[in-house]
Protein backbone atom coordinates (compact mmCIF):
# COMPACT_ATOMS: atom_id res chain seq x y z
CA UNK A 1 -3.05 -22.89 -7.26
CA UNK A 2 -0.01 -21.83 -9.29
CA UNK A 3 1.63 -18.43 -9.07
CA UNK A 4 -0.42 -15.84 -10.98
CA UNK A 5 1.92 -12.82 -10.90
CA UNK A 6 5.35 -12.95 -12.52
CA UNK A 7 5.95 -9.33 -13.51
CA UNK A 8 9.25 -7.50 -13.11
CA UNK A 9 7.74 -4.41 -11.50
CA UNK A 10 5.00 -3.51 -9.05
CA UNK A 11 3.48 -0.04 -9.03
CA UNK A 12 2.76 0.35 -5.34
CA UNK A 13 -0.16 2.75 -5.68
CA UNK A 14 0.18 6.51 -5.82
CA UNK A 15 1.64 8.00 -9.00
CA UNK A 16 2.66 11.58 -9.89
CA UNK A 17 -0.29 12.49 -12.10
CA UNK A 18 -2.99 15.15 -12.14
CA UNK A 19 -5.92 12.73 -12.42
CA UNK A 20 -6.79 9.06 -12.51
CA UNK A 21 -7.03 9.17 -16.29
CA UNK A 22 -3.60 10.80 -16.55
CA UNK A 23 -2.14 8.16 -14.23
CA UNK A 24 -3.70 5.26 -16.14
CA UNK A 25 -2.60 6.66 -19.50
CA UNK A 26 0.97 7.44 -18.42
CA UNK A 27 1.56 4.30 -16.40
CA UNK A 28 -0.12 2.08 -18.97
CA UNK A 29 2.15 3.46 -21.68
CA UNK A 30 5.38 3.45 -19.65
CA UNK A 31 5.02 0.24 -17.66
CA UNK A 32 2.39 -1.88 -19.40
CA UNK A 33 4.82 -4.59 -20.48
CA UNK A 34 6.54 -5.01 -17.09
CA UNK A 35 3.58 -4.95 -14.67
CA UNK A 36 0.65 -7.28 -13.99
CA UNK A 37 -1.58 -4.76 -12.21
CA UNK A 38 -2.23 -1.08 -12.85
CA UNK A 39 -3.39 1.36 -10.13
CA UNK A 40 -5.19 4.62 -10.86
CA UNK A 41 -2.51 6.70 -9.14
CA UNK A 42 -4.44 7.72 -6.00
CA UNK A 43 -4.85 11.28 -7.23
CA UNK A 44 -6.96 14.14 -5.87
CA UNK A 45 -8.10 13.75 -2.27
CA UNK A 46 -6.64 10.23 -2.11
CA UNK A 47 -3.16 11.68 -2.59
CA UNK A 48 -3.16 12.17 1.19
CA UNK A 49 -3.57 8.37 1.55
CA UNK A 50 -5.42 7.77 4.87
CA UNK A 51 -6.01 11.49 5.10
CA UNK A 52 -8.86 10.51 2.78
CA UNK A 53 -10.35 8.29 5.52
CA UNK A 54 -9.81 11.00 8.13
CA UNK A 55 -11.82 13.49 6.09
CA UNK A 56 -14.38 11.19 4.45
CA UNK A 57 -15.06 8.66 7.22
CA UNK A 58 -14.01 10.15 10.56
CA UNK A 59 -14.87 13.83 10.34
CA UNK A 60 -18.45 13.49 8.98
CA UNK A 61 -19.51 10.76 11.41
CA UNK A 62 -21.96 12.08 14.05
CA UNK A 63 -20.53 9.80 16.76
CA UNK A 64 -16.92 10.87 16.17
CA UNK A 65 -15.75 14.25 17.37
CA UNK A 66 -12.76 16.31 16.34
CA UNK A 67 -10.69 17.13 19.40
CA UNK A 68 -7.87 18.90 17.59
CA UNK A 69 -7.48 20.32 14.12
CA UNK A 70 -4.28 20.12 12.12
CA UNK A 71 -1.34 21.66 13.96
CA UNK A 72 0.21 22.75 10.67
CA UNK A 73 0.31 26.53 10.20
CA UNK A 74 -1.11 26.02 6.70
CA UNK A 75 -3.80 23.58 7.80
CA UNK A 76 -2.26 20.85 5.65
CA UNK A 77 -0.51 18.22 7.81
CA UNK A 78 3.17 17.80 7.06
CA UNK A 79 3.73 14.78 9.32
CA UNK A 80 1.89 12.42 11.67
CA UNK A 81 1.81 14.82 14.62
CA UNK A 82 0.06 17.50 12.58
CA UNK A 83 -2.94 15.46 11.53
CA UNK A 84 -6.37 16.17 13.01
CA UNK A 85 -7.22 14.21 16.14
CA UNK A 86 -10.52 12.37 16.56
CA UNK A 87 -12.24 10.39 19.28
CA UNK A 88 -15.43 8.38 19.63
CA UNK A 89 -17.97 10.40 21.62
CA UNK A 90 -18.48 9.46 25.25
CA UNK A 91 -21.32 6.98 25.71
CA UNK A 92 -20.99 5.57 22.18
CA UNK A 93 -20.17 1.86 22.06
CA UNK A 94 -20.89 1.05 18.40
CA UNK A 95 -20.23 2.77 15.07
CA UNK A 96 -21.43 2.19 11.53
CA UNK A 97 -20.37 3.69 8.23
CA UNK A 98 -22.90 3.34 5.44
CA UNK A 99 -20.46 3.52 2.52
CA UNK A 100 -16.80 4.00 1.68
CA UNK A 101 -16.03 6.88 -0.71
CA UNK A 102 -12.77 5.15 -1.68
CA UNK A 103 -14.85 2.43 -3.35
CA UNK A 104 -16.87 5.03 -5.27
CA UNK A 105 -13.63 6.39 -6.70
CA UNK A 106 -12.33 2.92 -7.53
CA UNK A 107 -15.47 2.09 -9.49
CA UNK A 108 -15.26 5.36 -11.40
CA UNK A 109 -11.56 4.79 -12.18
CA UNK A 110 -12.33 1.29 -13.43
CA UNK A 111 -14.71 2.78 -15.99
CA UNK A 112 -11.84 4.92 -17.27
CA UNK A 113 -9.53 1.87 -17.17
CA UNK A 114 -12.01 -0.11 -19.28
CA UNK A 115 -12.38 2.69 -21.82
CA UNK A 116 -8.62 3.08 -22.20
CA UNK A 117 -8.20 -0.66 -22.57
CA UNK A 118 -10.84 -0.71 -25.31
CA UNK A 119 -8.87 2.05 -27.06
CA UNK A 120 -5.66 0.05 -26.83
CA UNK A 121 -4.00 2.49 -24.43
CA UNK A 122 -3.90 -0.21 -21.71
CA UNK A 123 -2.90 -3.67 -22.86
CA UNK A 124 -5.20 -6.64 -22.55
CA UNK A 125 -4.46 -8.83 -19.55
CA UNK A 126 -3.57 -6.08 -17.10
CA UNK A 127 -5.58 -6.13 -13.88
CA UNK A 128 -7.05 -2.98 -12.34
CA UNK A 129 -5.36 -2.48 -8.96
CA UNK A 130 -7.29 -1.10 -5.99
CA UNK A 131 -5.28 -0.19 -2.88
CA UNK A 132 -7.11 -0.36 0.45
CA UNK A 133 -5.71 0.75 3.82
CA UNK A 134 -5.52 -1.85 6.56
CA UNK A 135 -7.47 -1.01 9.76
CA UNK A 136 -4.75 0.42 12.02
CA UNK A 137 -3.61 2.63 9.16
CA UNK A 138 -7.13 3.85 8.41
CA UNK A 139 -7.93 4.43 12.10
CA UNK A 140 -4.60 5.92 13.18
CA UNK A 141 -6.02 9.37 14.02
CA UNK A 142 -7.72 8.16 17.24
CA UNK A 143 -4.94 9.62 19.36
CA UNK A 144 -6.79 10.64 22.54
CA UNK A 145 -7.70 7.17 23.77
CA UNK A 146 -6.50 4.87 21.02
CA UNK A 147 -7.21 1.49 22.59
CA UNK A 148 -10.81 2.37 23.53
CA UNK A 149 -11.63 4.09 20.25
CA UNK A 150 -9.91 1.48 18.08
CA UNK A 151 -11.80 -1.31 19.85
CA UNK A 152 -15.08 0.45 19.00
CA UNK A 153 -14.13 1.49 15.47
CA UNK A 154 -12.50 -1.75 14.28
CA UNK A 155 -15.72 -3.82 14.00
CA UNK A 156 -17.37 -0.95 12.13
CA UNK A 157 -14.44 -0.62 9.74
CA UNK A 158 -14.31 -4.37 9.09
CA UNK A 159 -18.08 -4.41 8.50
CA UNK A 160 -17.64 -1.52 6.05
CA UNK A 161 -14.84 -3.34 4.24
CA UNK A 162 -16.89 -6.53 3.99
CA UNK A 163 -19.94 -4.75 2.56
CA UNK A 164 -17.97 -2.55 0.21
CA UNK A 165 -15.88 -5.43 -1.12
CA UNK A 166 -19.18 -6.93 -2.24
CA UNK A 167 -20.13 -3.68 -3.94
CA UNK A 168 -16.71 -3.40 -5.56
CA UNK A 169 -16.83 -6.92 -6.97
CA UNK A 170 -20.39 -6.43 -8.19
CA UNK A 171 -19.13 -3.52 -10.34
CA UNK A 172 -15.70 -4.86 -11.32
CA UNK A 173 -15.33 -8.44 -12.56
CA UNK A 174 -13.07 -10.37 -10.19
CA UNK A 175 -10.99 -11.51 -13.16
CA UNK A 176 -10.15 -7.87 -13.87
CA UNK A 177 -9.39 -6.97 -10.27
CA UNK A 178 -6.31 -6.88 -8.05
CA UNK A 179 -6.60 -5.69 -4.45
CA UNK A 180 -3.61 -4.51 -2.45
CA UNK A 181 -3.74 -4.11 1.32
CA UNK A 182 -1.69 -1.06 2.32
CA UNK A 183 -0.07 -1.96 5.63
CA UNK A 184 1.97 0.92 7.07
CA UNK A 185 0.89 2.06 10.53
CA UNK A 186 0.63 -1.62 11.43
CA UNK A 187 4.36 -1.94 10.74
CA UNK A 188 5.20 1.19 12.74
CA UNK A 189 2.85 0.01 15.50
CA UNK A 190 4.73 -3.28 15.74
CA UNK A 191 8.04 -1.42 15.83
CA UNK A 192 6.70 0.40 18.90
CA UNK A 193 7.34 3.88 17.53
CA UNK A 194 3.77 5.25 17.38
CA UNK A 195 3.51 6.98 20.74
CA UNK A 196 -0.29 6.95 21.03
CA UNK A 197 -0.73 3.26 20.14
CA UNK A 198 -0.60 0.65 22.88
CA UNK A 199 -1.92 -2.84 23.49
CA UNK A 200 -1.58 -5.89 21.23
CA UNK A 201 -0.05 -4.58 18.01
CA UNK A 202 0.46 -8.07 16.58
CA UNK A 203 -3.24 -8.85 16.91
CA UNK A 204 -4.08 -5.53 15.25
CA UNK A 205 -2.29 -6.86 12.17
CA UNK A 206 -3.03 -10.57 12.27
CA UNK A 207 -6.73 -10.36 13.13
CA UNK A 208 -7.71 -8.34 10.03
CA UNK A 209 -5.32 -10.38 7.86
CA UNK A 210 -7.15 -13.54 8.89
CA UNK A 211 -10.67 -12.09 8.69
CA UNK A 212 -10.68 -9.69 5.73
CA UNK A 213 -8.53 -11.20 3.00
CA UNK A 214 -10.65 -14.36 2.79
CA UNK A 215 -13.63 -12.16 1.82
CA UNK A 216 -12.03 -11.32 -1.54
CA UNK A 217 -13.13 -13.65 -4.37
CA UNK A 218 -10.45 -16.18 -5.26
CA UNK A 219 -10.48 -15.08 -8.90
CA UNK A 220 -9.26 -11.62 -7.89
CA UNK A 221 -5.56 -11.10 -7.17
CA UNK A 222 -4.49 -10.06 -3.67
CA UNK A 223 -1.28 -8.47 -2.47
CA UNK A 224 0.18 -6.99 0.71
CA UNK A 225 2.24 -3.80 0.73
CA UNK A 226 4.33 -3.77 3.92
CA UNK A 227 5.92 -0.38 4.38
CA UNK A 228 7.49 2.12 6.79
CA UNK A 229 5.69 5.12 5.32
CA UNK A 230 6.62 8.38 3.59
CA UNK A 231 4.99 10.98 5.81
CA UNK A 232 6.84 13.32 5.54
CA UNK A 233 9.81 11.39 4.16
CA UNK A 234 11.05 7.88 3.54
CA UNK A 235 11.15 6.08 5.90
CA UNK A 236 9.17 7.32 8.88
CA UNK A 237 11.26 4.84 10.87
CA UNK A 238 14.29 2.94 9.58
CA UNK A 239 14.41 -0.63 10.80
CA UNK A 240 17.62 -2.46 11.62
CA UNK A 241 16.70 -5.27 9.21
CA UNK A 242 13.77 -6.88 7.38
CA UNK A 243 12.89 -9.42 10.08
CA UNK A 244 9.55 -7.83 11.01
CA UNK A 245 8.37 -7.51 7.41
CA UNK A 246 9.30 -11.13 6.73
CA UNK A 247 7.43 -12.27 9.84
CA UNK A 248 4.34 -10.29 8.80
CA UNK A 249 4.52 -11.57 5.22
CA UNK A 250 4.83 -15.18 6.34
CA UNK A 251 1.79 -14.82 8.58
CA UNK A 252 -0.23 -13.22 5.79
CA UNK A 253 0.60 -16.02 3.35
CA UNK A 254 -0.19 -18.75 5.85
CA UNK A 255 -3.34 -17.31 7.44
CA UNK A 256 -5.16 -15.17 4.85
CA UNK A 257 -7.60 -17.96 4.01
CA UNK A 258 -6.93 -17.72 0.28
CA UNK A 259 -4.00 -17.34 -2.11
CA UNK A 260 -1.77 -14.30 -1.66
CA UNK A 261 -0.51 -13.25 -5.09
CA UNK A 262 2.19 -10.76 -4.20
CA UNK A 263 4.16 -9.40 -1.28
CA UNK A 264 5.80 -5.99 -1.33
CA UNK A 265 8.48 -5.51 1.31
CA UNK A 266 9.96 -2.04 1.58
CA UNK A 267 13.75 -1.93 1.55
CA UNK A 268 16.37 0.27 3.22
CA UNK A 269 17.74 3.73 2.64
CA UNK A 270 20.84 4.01 0.53
CA UNK A 271 23.52 3.53 3.23
CA UNK A 272 22.37 -0.04 3.82
CA UNK A 273 22.48 -0.95 0.14
CA UNK A 274 25.36 -3.36 0.75
CA UNK A 275 24.43 -4.35 4.31
CA UNK A 276 23.93 -8.11 4.33
CA UNK A 277 22.55 -7.89 7.85
CA UNK A 278 19.60 -5.82 6.64
CA UNK A 279 18.57 -8.26 3.90
CA UNK A 280 19.52 -11.52 5.67
CA UNK A 281 16.00 -12.20 7.09
CA UNK A 282 14.75 -12.65 3.52
CA UNK A 283 16.21 -16.15 3.64
CA UNK A 284 13.35 -17.03 6.04
CA UNK A 285 10.60 -15.69 3.76
CA UNK A 286 8.03 -18.31 2.77
CA UNK A 287 6.07 -16.73 -0.09
CA UNK A 288 4.39 -19.93 -1.37
CA UNK A 289 2.80 -18.84 -4.69
CA UNK A 290 3.16 -15.11 -4.06
CA UNK A 291 5.44 -12.99 -6.23
CA UNK A 292 7.90 -11.08 -4.04
CA UNK A 293 8.62 -7.44 -4.84
CA UNK A 294 11.33 -5.65 -2.92
CA UNK A 295 10.89 -1.91 -2.51
CA UNK A 296 14.49 -1.10 -3.35
CA UNK A 297 14.01 1.58 -6.01
CA UNK A 298 15.02 4.89 -4.45
CA UNK A 299 15.16 8.29 -6.19
CA UNK A 300 18.18 9.13 -4.02
CA UNK A 301 20.74 7.13 -5.97
CA UNK A 302 19.08 5.95 -9.19
CA UNK A 303 20.21 2.92 -11.14
CA UNK A 304 23.60 2.43 -9.39
CA UNK A 305 21.91 2.25 -5.98
CA UNK A 306 19.23 -0.12 -7.25
CA UNK A 307 21.91 -2.42 -8.63
CA UNK A 308 23.74 -2.42 -5.29
CA UNK A 309 20.60 -3.28 -3.34
CA UNK A 310 19.54 -5.88 -5.90
CA UNK A 311 22.90 -7.61 -5.68
CA UNK A 312 22.83 -7.64 -1.87
CA UNK A 313 19.26 -8.91 -1.68
CA UNK A 314 20.03 -11.62 -4.24
CA UNK A 315 22.35 -13.28 -1.73
CA UNK A 316 19.32 -14.04 0.44
CA UNK A 317 16.42 -14.50 -2.01
CA UNK A 318 16.66 -15.84 -5.54
CA UNK A 319 13.53 -14.75 -7.33
CA UNK A 320 11.98 -11.30 -6.90
CA UNK A 321 10.73 -8.26 -8.73
CA UNK A 322 11.33 -4.68 -7.75
CA UNK A 323 9.25 -1.66 -6.83
CA UNK A 324 9.57 1.80 -5.39
CA UNK A 325 9.90 1.75 -1.59
CA UNK A 326 6.35 3.15 -1.49
CA UNK A 327 3.94 4.93 -3.80
CA UNK A 328 5.63 7.98 -5.29
CA UNK A 329 2.69 10.24 -6.07
CA UNK A 330 3.34 12.20 -2.88
CA UNK A 331 7.03 12.59 -3.68
CA UNK A 332 6.96 13.37 -7.40
CA UNK A 333 10.22 15.32 -7.73
CA UNK A 334 10.53 18.51 -9.75
CA UNK A 335 9.25 16.86 -12.93
CA UNK A 336 6.64 14.16 -12.28
CA UNK A 337 6.83 12.85 -15.83
CA UNK A 338 10.59 12.47 -15.61
CA UNK A 339 10.21 10.74 -12.24
CA UNK A 340 8.05 8.08 -13.90
CA UNK A 341 10.46 7.71 -16.83
CA UNK A 342 13.36 7.25 -14.40
CA UNK A 343 11.37 4.51 -12.69
CA UNK A 344 11.04 2.72 -16.03
CA UNK A 345 14.74 3.23 -16.76
CA UNK A 346 15.67 1.58 -13.46
CA UNK A 347 13.76 -1.57 -14.42
CA UNK A 348 15.34 -1.55 -17.87
CA UNK A 349 18.80 -1.31 -16.31
CA UNK A 350 18.16 -4.41 -14.19
CA UNK A 351 16.85 -6.27 -17.21
CA UNK A 352 19.95 -5.35 -19.23
CA UNK A 353 22.21 -6.47 -16.38
CA UNK A 354 20.44 -9.82 -16.11
CA UNK A 355 20.66 -10.33 -19.89
CA UNK A 356 24.37 -9.43 -19.87
């Protein structure tokens, strides 16, 4: 199968907007001609990313108990060590979740997407992008006895994903759909920096990659967002280079059981903008028919910094689009609308440079 995504820009997921409709309207207007897929902005409760799964899957489950509430003085976690802590109750060996509220919200947002497309606000041909957290990310709050609880919860989560993918694709035509796996705690897990995670971190990434992605209909687009997280700031851990992300991306392309349509690899902070050593592993990337997006757009240094990183990366990979290092709905700046316009301006600047 030939490459199906050739856009200049990827919107990673979260956007600085008050609602899904606001996000779809704003992003459709600002970015519609430079993107292939359009997310709904992950607004409302989903703005906390996997905080949504903590509150909507973990907390209500009768066989999961809360062992510690948020350590934040305001009750709103500011970083990973302030999130609520959960564990599977003693004596429980199996879990089941009946439904996934994230899918309910995706279906509702698609209705808005369809209405706006019919009105001409969203251009024809854009896919509706749904971002789904990978298992270790979704289950990261099992901090008391992670290996035991993860082993019990993983089959239940994968069963939930399998059933809810069927529901999602029964409501949204596969030809309209793009699914992005959000892979963050898996990256940090493999870096060995998540204190409460132990055991086989590589299998925690590769197993779901091999089992879950093949469940998505071939007509739908699929991408992987490989990231170091923004909780509370970018990055949660700064890697020495991109070797791990390249290794993960290569495995995903080779073993997902279907075409991978895009790969998003988060880039460095600004001081490594001209560090060849950081970008050098990109020469070993084997994307096949996937479009590569490098997360090298940073609000820290604007267009000049993006140009520096783009030039450095171009020494090691010829063909790629760009993206923010992560979703930017949780880091909107003082003026969210201006933040989105600056994102557009950065892409325009690269286009002008290439044309010149």
